[in-house]
PDB file of N, CA and C in Angstrom:
ATOM      1  N   MET A   1      94.468  88.999  83.840  1.00  0.00           N
ATOM      2  CA  MET A   1      93.730  90.052  84.500  1.00  0.00           C
ATOM      3  C   MET A   1      93.201  91.006  83.433  1.00  0.00           C
ATOM      4  N   ARG A   2      92.013  91.531  83.675  1.00  0.00           N
ATOM      5  CA  ARG A   2      91.445  92.512  82.751  1.00  0.00           C
ATOM      6  C   ARG A   2      92.359  93.719  82.640  1.00  0.00           C
ATOM      7  N   ALA A   3      92.343  94.358  81.487  1.00  0.00           N
ATOM      8  CA  ALA A   3      93.224  95.500  81.222  1.00  0.00           C
ATOM      9  C   ALA A   3      92.999  96.641  82.216  1.00  0.00           C
ATOM     10  N   ASP A   4      91.747  96.935  82.552  1.00  0.00           N
ATOM     11  CA  ASP A   4      91.478  98.036  83.480  1.00  0.00           C
ATOM     12  C   ASP A   4      92.003  97.717  84.881  1.00  0.00           C
ATOM     13  N   LEU A   5      91.895  96.465  85.298  1.00  0.00           N
ATOM     14  CA  LEU A   5      92.397  96.081  86.610  1.00  0.00           C
ATOM     15  C   LEU A   5      93.922  96.101  86.640  1.00  0.00           C
ATOM     16  N   ASP A   6      94.532  95.797  85.520  1.00  0.00           N
ATOM     17  CA  ASP A   6      95.983  95.853  85.432  1.00  0.00           C
ATOM     18  C   ASP A   6      96.486  97.283  85.638  1.00  0.00           C
ATOM     19  N   ILE A   7      95.765  98.242  85.103  1.00  0.00           N
ATOM     20  CA  ILE A   7      96.124  99.653  85.301  1.00  0.00           C
ATOM     21  C   ILE A   7      95.937 100.038  86.772  1.00  0.00           C
ATOM     22  N   ILE A   8      94.810  99.636  87.346  1.00  0.00           N
ATOM     23  CA  ILE A   8      94.515  99.977  88.745  1.00  0.00           C
ATOM     24  C   ILE A   8      95.566  99.408  89.685  1.00  0.00           C
ATOM     25  N   GLN A   9      95.978  98.168  89.465  1.00  0.00           N
ATOM     26  CA  GLN A   9      96.938  97.540  90.381  1.00  0.00           C
ATOM     27  C   GLN A   9      98.251  98.298  90.433  1.00  0.00           C
ATOM     28  N   GLU A  10      98.584  99.012  89.361  1.00  0.00           N
ATOM     29  CA  GLU A  10      99.823  99.792  89.351  1.00  0.00           C
ATOM     30  C   GLU A  10      99.770 100.956  90.338  1.00  0.00           C
ATOM     31  N   TRP A  11      98.582 101.441  90.665  1.00  0.00           N
ATOM     32  CA  TRP A  11      98.422 102.579  91.574  1.00  0.00           C
ATOM     33  C   TRP A  11      98.506 102.165  93.043  1.00  0.00           C
ATOM     34  N   ILE A  12      98.448 100.877  93.331  1.00  0.00           N
ATOM     35  CA  ILE A  12      98.322 100.407  94.704  1.00  0.00           C
ATOM     36  C   ILE A  12      99.667  99.891  95.213  1.00  0.00           C
ATOM     37  N   PRO A  13     100.221 100.544  96.231  1.00  0.00           N
ATOM     38  CA  PRO A  13     101.508 100.109  96.767  1.00  0.00           C
ATOM     39  C   PRO A  13     101.396  98.761  97.485  1.00  0.00           C
ATOM     40  N   ALA A  14     102.476  98.016  97.470  1.00  0.00           N
ATOM     41  CA  ALA A  14     102.529  96.739  98.188  1.00  0.00           C
ATOM     42  C   ALA A  14     102.234  96.969  99.670  1.00  0.00           C
ATOM     43  N   GLY A  15     101.504  96.026 100.257  1.00  0.00           N
ATOM     44  CA  GLY A  15     101.192  96.089 101.682  1.00  0.00           C
ATOM     45  C   GLY A  15     100.056  97.021 102.043  1.00  0.00           C
ATOM     46  N   SER A  16      99.384  97.586 101.053  1.00  0.00           N
ATOM     47  CA  SER A  16      98.280  98.518 101.309  1.00  0.00           C
ATOM     48  C   SER A  16      97.047  97.798 101.836  1.00  0.00           C
ATOM     49  N   ARG A  17      96.110  98.598 102.322  1.00  0.00           N
ATOM     50  CA  ARG A  17      94.775  98.102 102.665  1.00  0.00           C
ATOM     51  C   ARG A  17      93.819  98.701 101.640  1.00  0.00           C
ATOM     52  N   VAL A  18      92.924  97.869 101.109  1.00  0.00           N
ATOM     53  CA  VAL A  18      92.070  98.282  99.999  1.00  0.00           C
ATOM     54  C   VAL A  18      90.609  97.978 100.314  1.00  0.00           C
ATOM     55  N   LEU A  19      89.736  98.899  99.946  1.00  0.00           N
ATOM     56  CA  LEU A  19      88.295  98.668  99.936  1.00  0.00           C
ATOM     57  C   LEU A  19      87.873  98.739  98.481  1.00  0.00           C
ATOM     58  N   ASP A  20      87.420  97.620  97.938  1.00  0.00           N
ATOM     59  CA  ASP A  20      87.038  97.527  96.526  1.00  0.00           C
ATOM     60  C   ASP A  20      85.518  97.572  96.425  1.00  0.00           C
ATOM     61  N   LEU A  21      84.994  98.736  96.034  1.00  0.00           N
ATOM     62  CA  LEU A  21      83.546  98.908  95.901  1.00  0.00           C
ATOM     63  C   LEU A  21      83.097  98.300  94.587  1.00  0.00           C
ATOM     64  N   GLY A  22      82.164  97.363  94.655  1.00  0.00           N
ATOM     65  CA  GLY A  22      81.730  96.660  93.458  1.00  0.00           C
ATOM     66  C   GLY A  22      82.828  95.717  92.991  1.00  0.00           C
ATOM     67  N   CYS A  23      83.291  94.867  93.893  1.00  0.00           N
ATOM     68  CA  CYS A  23      84.478  94.043  93.635  1.00  0.00           C
ATOM     69  C   CYS A  23      84.250  92.903  92.655  1.00  0.00           C
ATOM     70  N   GLY A  24      83.006  92.681  92.240  1.00  0.00           N
ATOM     71  CA  GLY A  24      82.738  91.598  91.289  1.00  0.00           C
ATOM     72  C   GLY A  24      83.123  90.256  91.870  1.00  0.00           C
ATOM     73  N   ASN A  25      83.858  89.470  91.107  1.00  0.00           N
ATOM     74  CA  ASN A  25      84.243  88.128  91.565  1.00  0.00           C
ATOM     75  C   ASN A  25      85.530  88.134  92.382  1.00  0.00           C
ATOM     76  N   GLY A  26      86.051  89.298  92.721  1.00  0.00           N
ATOM     77  CA  GLY A  26      87.234  89.406  93.555  1.00  0.00           C
ATOM     78  C   GLY A  26      88.548  89.281  92.803  1.00  0.00           C
ATOM     79  N   GLU A  27      88.501  89.411  91.485  1.00  0.00           N
ATOM     80  CA  GLU A  27      89.706  89.237  90.676  1.00  0.00           C
ATOM     81  C   GLU A  27      90.836  90.183  91.102  1.00  0.00           C
ATOM     82  N   LEU A  28      90.512  91.461  91.267  1.00  0.00           N
ATOM     83  CA  LEU A  28      91.545  92.429  91.633  1.00  0.00           C
ATOM     84  C   LEU A  28      92.088  92.156  93.033  1.00  0.00           C
ATOM     85  N   LEU A  29      91.215  91.963  94.001  1.00  0.00           N
ATOM     86  CA  LEU A  29      91.675  91.717  95.367  1.00  0.00           C
ATOM     87  C   LEU A  29      92.497  90.439  95.457  1.00  0.00           C
ATOM     88  N   THR A  30      92.116  89.421  94.714  1.00  0.00           N
ATOM     89  CA  THR A  30      92.884  88.176  94.708  1.00  0.00           C
ATOM     90  C   THR A  30      94.287  88.425  94.170  1.00  0.00           C
ATOM     91  N   TRP A  31      94.382  89.142  93.064  1.00  0.00           N
ATOM     92  CA  TRP A  31      95.689  89.427  92.462  1.00  0.00           C
ATOM     93  C   TRP A  31      96.544  90.262  93.412  1.00  0.00           C
ATOM     94  N   LEU A  32      95.932  91.293  94.005  1.00  0.00           N
ATOM     95  CA  LEU A  32      96.670  92.158  94.921  1.00  0.00           C
ATOM     96  C   LEU A  32      97.160  91.380  96.140  1.00  0.00           C
ATOM     97  N   ARG A  33      96.325  90.512  96.668  1.00  0.00           N
ATOM     98  CA  ARG A  33      96.728  89.689  97.810  1.00  0.00           C
ATOM     99  C   ARG A  33      97.913  88.786  97.447  1.00  0.00           C
ATOM    100  N   ASP A  34      97.823  88.158  96.287  1.00  0.00           N
ATOM    101  CA  ASP A  34      98.830  87.174  95.883  1.00  0.00           C
ATOM    102  C   ASP A  34     100.135  87.791  95.401  1.00  0.00           C
ATOM    103  N   HIS A  35     100.090  89.007  94.853  1.00  0.00           N
ATOM    104  CA  HIS A  35     101.281  89.598  94.263  1.00  0.00           C
ATOM    105  C   HIS A  35     101.837  90.810  95.007  1.00  0.00           C
ATOM    106  N   LYS A  36     100.979  91.491  95.794  1.00  0.00           N
ATOM    107  CA  LYS A  36     101.435  92.700  96.479  1.00  0.00           C
ATOM    108  C   LYS A  36     101.176  92.666  97.978  1.00  0.00           C
ATOM    109  N   GLN A  37     100.786  91.510  98.504  1.00  0.00           N
ATOM    110  CA  GLN A  37     100.533  91.346  99.936  1.00  0.00           C
ATOM    111  C   GLN A  37      99.574  92.412 100.474  1.00  0.00           C
ATOM    112  N   VAL A  38      98.581  92.729  99.673  1.00  0.00           N
ATOM    113  CA  VAL A  38      97.552  93.697 100.045  1.00  0.00           C
ATOM    114  C   VAL A  38      96.469  92.978 100.848  1.00  0.00           C
ATOM    115  N   THR A  39      95.935  93.662 101.855  1.00  0.00           N
ATOM    116  CA  THR A  39      94.768  93.156 102.570  1.00  0.00           C
ATOM    117  C   THR A  39      93.606  94.073 102.247  1.00  0.00           C
ATOM    118  N   GLY A  40      92.402  93.530 102.319  1.00  0.00           N
ATOM    119  CA  GLY A  40      91.271  94.387 102.020  1.00  0.00           C
ATOM    120  C   GLY A  40      89.949  93.675 102.069  1.00  0.00           C
ATOM    121  N   TYR A  41      88.940  94.437 101.719  1.00  0.00           N
ATOM    122  CA  TYR A  41      87.571  93.963 101.674  1.00  0.00           C
ATOM    123  C   TYR A  41      86.959  94.353 100.345  1.00  0.00           C
ATOM    124  N   GLY A  42      86.044  93.528  99.896  1.00  0.00           N
ATOM    125  CA  GLY A  42      85.238  93.849  98.736  1.00  0.00           C
ATOM    126  C   GLY A  42      83.815  94.115  99.167  1.00  0.00           C
ATOM    127  N   LEU A  43      83.146  94.958  98.443  1.00  0.00           N
ATOM    128  CA  LEU A  43      81.730  95.249  98.655  1.00  0.00           C
ATOM    129  C   LEU A  43      81.017  94.826  97.385  1.00  0.00           C
ATOM    130  N   GLU A  44      80.062  93.919  97.498  1.00  0.00           N
ATOM    131  CA  GLU A  44      79.409  93.361  96.309  1.00  0.00           C
ATOM    132  C   GLU A  44      77.973  92.998  96.652  1.00  0.00           C
ATOM    133  N   ASN A  45      77.081  93.071  95.657  1.00  0.00           N
ATOM    134  CA  ASN A  45      75.681  92.719  95.906  1.00  0.00           C
ATOM    135  C   ASN A  45      75.204  91.514  95.106  1.00  0.00           C
ATOM    136  N   ASP A  46      76.002  91.007  94.184  1.00  0.00           N
ATOM    137  CA  ASP A  46      75.592  89.852  93.387  1.00  0.00           C
ATOM    138  C   ASP A  46      75.968  88.561  94.116  1.00  0.00           C
ATOM    139  N   PRO A  47      74.977  87.707  94.413  1.00  0.00           N
ATOM    140  CA  PRO A  47      75.251  86.487  95.176  1.00  0.00           C
ATOM    141  C   PRO A  47      76.277  85.558  94.519  1.00  0.00           C
ATOM    142  N   ASP A  48      76.269  85.445  93.203  1.00  0.00           N
ATOM    143  CA  ASP A  48      77.237  84.582  92.521  1.00  0.00           C
ATOM    144  C   ASP A  48      78.657  85.122  92.670  1.00  0.00           C
ATOM    145  N   ASN A  49      78.816  86.441  92.543  1.00  0.00           N
ATOM    146  CA  ASN A  49      80.134  87.051  92.733  1.00  0.00           C
ATOM    147  C   ASN A  49      80.603  86.917  94.175  1.00  0.00           C
ATOM    148  N   ILE A  50      79.686  87.063  95.110  1.00  0.00           N
ATOM    149  CA  ILE A  50      80.035  86.909  96.525  1.00  0.00           C
ATOM    150  C   ILE A  50      80.536  85.491  96.780  1.00  0.00           C
ATOM    151  N   ALA A  51      79.859  84.511  96.213  1.00  0.00           N
ATOM    152  CA  ALA A  51      80.280  83.117  96.378  1.00  0.00           C
ATOM    153  C   ALA A  51      81.682  82.890  95.805  1.00  0.00           C
ATOM    154  N   GLU A  52      81.974  83.512  94.655  1.00  0.00           N
ATOM    155  CA  GLU A  52      83.317  83.391  94.073  1.00  0.00           C
ATOM    156  C   GLU A  52      84.366  84.027  94.973  1.00  0.00           C
ATOM    157  N   CYS A  53      84.054  85.189  95.543  1.00  0.00           N
ATOM    158  CA  CYS A  53      84.988  85.847  96.456  1.00  0.00           C
ATOM    159  C   CYS A  53      85.279  84.952  97.661  1.00  0.00           C
ATOM    160  N   VAL A  54      84.235  84.408  98.244  1.00  0.00           N
ATOM    161  CA  VAL A  54      84.405  83.547  99.416  1.00  0.00           C
ATOM    162  C   VAL A  54      85.255  82.333  99.061  1.00  0.00           C
ATOM    163  N   ALA A  55      85.005  81.749  97.901  1.00  0.00           N
ATOM    164  CA  ALA A  55      85.780  80.582  97.465  1.00  0.00           C
ATOM    165  C   ALA A  55      87.264  80.926  97.291  1.00  0.00           C
ATOM    166  N   LYS A  56      87.546  82.179  96.943  1.00  0.00           N
ATOM    167  CA  LYS A  56      88.935  82.620  96.757  1.00  0.00           C
ATOM    168  C   LYS A  56      89.571  83.099  98.056  1.00  0.00           C
ATOM    169  N   GLY A  57      88.790  83.111  99.133  1.00  0.00           N
ATOM    170  CA  GLY A  57      89.320  83.579 100.410  1.00  0.00           C
ATOM    171  C   GLY A  57      89.352  85.084 100.545  1.00  0.00           C
ATOM    172  N   ILE A  58      88.528  85.769  99.760  1.00  0.00           N
ATOM    173  CA  ILE A  58      88.458  87.232  99.795  1.00  0.00           C
ATOM    174  C   ILE A  58      87.416  87.660 100.824  1.00  0.00           C
ATOM    175  N   ASN A  59      87.763  88.646 101.658  1.00  0.00           N
ATOM    176  CA  ASN A  59      86.803  89.230 102.591  1.00  0.00           C
ATOM    177  C   ASN A  59      85.804  90.042 101.777  1.00  0.00           C
ATOM    178  N   VAL A  60      84.538  89.695 101.866  1.00  0.00           N
ATOM    179  CA  VAL A  60      83.525  90.392 101.073  1.00  0.00           C
ATOM    180  C   VAL A  60      82.308  90.672 101.937  1.00  0.00           C
ATOM    181  N   ILE A  61      81.755  91.849 101.737  1.00  0.00           N
ATOM    182  CA  ILE A  61      80.552  92.273 102.445  1.00  0.00           C
ATOM    183  C   ILE A  61      79.437  92.388 101.418  1.00  0.00           C
ATOM    184  N   GLU A  62      78.300  91.791 101.735  1.00  0.00           N
ATOM    185  CA  GLU A  62      77.162  91.858 100.819  1.00  0.00           C
ATOM    186  C   GLU A  62      76.433  93.176 101.046  1.00  0.00           C
ATOM    187  N   GLN A  63      76.601  94.084 100.098  1.00  0.00           N
ATOM    188  CA  GLN A  63      75.987  95.412 100.201  1.00  0.00           C
ATOM    189  C   GLN A  63      76.079  96.097  98.850  1.00  0.00           C
ATOM    190  N   ALA A  64      75.000  96.732  98.443  1.00  0.00           N
ATOM    191  CA  ALA A  64      75.033  97.573  97.246  1.00  0.00           C
ATOM    192  C   ALA A  64      75.566  98.934  97.690  1.00  0.00           C
ATOM    193  N   TRP A  65      76.798  99.270  97.298  1.00  0.00           N
ATOM    194  CA  TRP A  65      77.437 100.481  97.832  1.00  0.00           C
ATOM    195  C   TRP A  65      76.694 101.750  97.469  1.00  0.00           C
ATOM    196  N   ALA A  66      76.034 101.799  96.339  1.00  0.00           N
ATOM    197  CA  ALA A  66      75.339 103.031  95.933  1.00  0.00           C
ATOM    198  C   ALA A  66      74.085 103.276  96.766  1.00  0.00           C
ATOM    199  N   THR A  67      73.617 102.258  97.480  1.00  0.00           N
ATOM    200  CA  THR A  67      72.421 102.427  98.311  1.00  0.00           C
ATOM    201  C   THR A  67      72.713 102.208  99.771  1.00  0.00           C
ATOM    202  N   SER A  68      73.991 102.136 100.154  1.00  0.00           N
ATOM    203  CA  SER A  68      74.334 101.967 101.563  1.00  0.00           C
ATOM    204  C   SER A  68      73.994 103.257 102.308  1.00  0.00           C
ATOM    205  N   PRO A  69      73.792 103.163 103.614  1.00  0.00           N
ATOM    206  CA  PRO A  69      73.423 104.367 104.379  1.00  0.00           C
ATOM    207  C   PRO A  69      74.409 105.514 104.220  1.00  0.00           C
ATOM    208  N   ALA A  70      75.683 105.200 104.049  1.00  0.00           N
ATOM    209  CA  ALA A  70      76.681 106.269 103.922  1.00  0.00           C
ATOM    210  C   ALA A  70      76.568 107.047 102.616  1.00  0.00           C
ATOM    211  N   THR A  71      75.991 106.430 101.575  1.00  0.00           N
ATOM    212  CA  THR A  71      75.909 107.115 100.285  1.00  0.00           C
ATOM    213  C   THR A  71      74.488 107.399  99.843  1.00  0.00           C
ATOM    214  N   ALA A  72      73.512 106.968 100.609  1.00  0.00           N
ATOM    215  CA  ALA A  72      72.112 107.099 100.189  1.00  0.00           C
ATOM    216  C   ALA A  72      71.709 108.558  99.953  1.00  0.00           C
ATOM    217  N   SER A  73      72.250 109.485 100.732  1.00  0.00           N
ATOM    218  CA  SER A  73      71.858 110.878 100.579  1.00  0.00           C
ATOM    219  C   SER A  73      72.800 111.655  99.668  1.00  0.00           C
ATOM    220  N   THR A  74      73.759 110.986  99.090  1.00  0.00           N
ATOM    221  CA  THR A  74      74.737 111.642  98.221  1.00  0.00           C
ATOM    222  C   THR A  74      74.336 111.451  96.768  1.00  0.00           C
ATOM    223  N   SER A  75      74.359 112.523  96.005  1.00  0.00           N
ATOM    224  CA  SER A  75      74.069 112.377  94.572  1.00  0.00           C
ATOM    225  C   SER A  75      75.380 112.182  93.816  1.00  0.00           C
ATOM    226  N   TRP A  76      75.341 111.363  92.806  1.00  0.00           N
ATOM    227  CA  TRP A  76      76.505 111.050  91.997  1.00  0.00           C
ATOM    228  C   TRP A  76      76.246 111.477  90.565  1.00  0.00           C
ATOM    229  N   SER A  77      77.242 112.075  89.937  1.00  0.00           N
ATOM    230  CA  SER A  77      77.057 112.458  88.538  1.00  0.00           C
ATOM    231  C   SER A  77      78.032 111.742  87.658  1.00  0.00           C
TER     232      SER A  77
END
């Protein structure tokens, strides 16, 4: 697992529900599911990453989170 994801997984209690914005290929969600019995969804806009998530059995929604209706009017710094 990537070093940054290893740090993040330490913050997530076993059995949690997670929404992973920009989940990439689902590496973190896969690890959390397999090791901490976490359930969750990923949000991703890259078709290749979405295909990898689906192949791993990860729930993934095709959406660019920074342009979704909920964040479209919000400025980020």
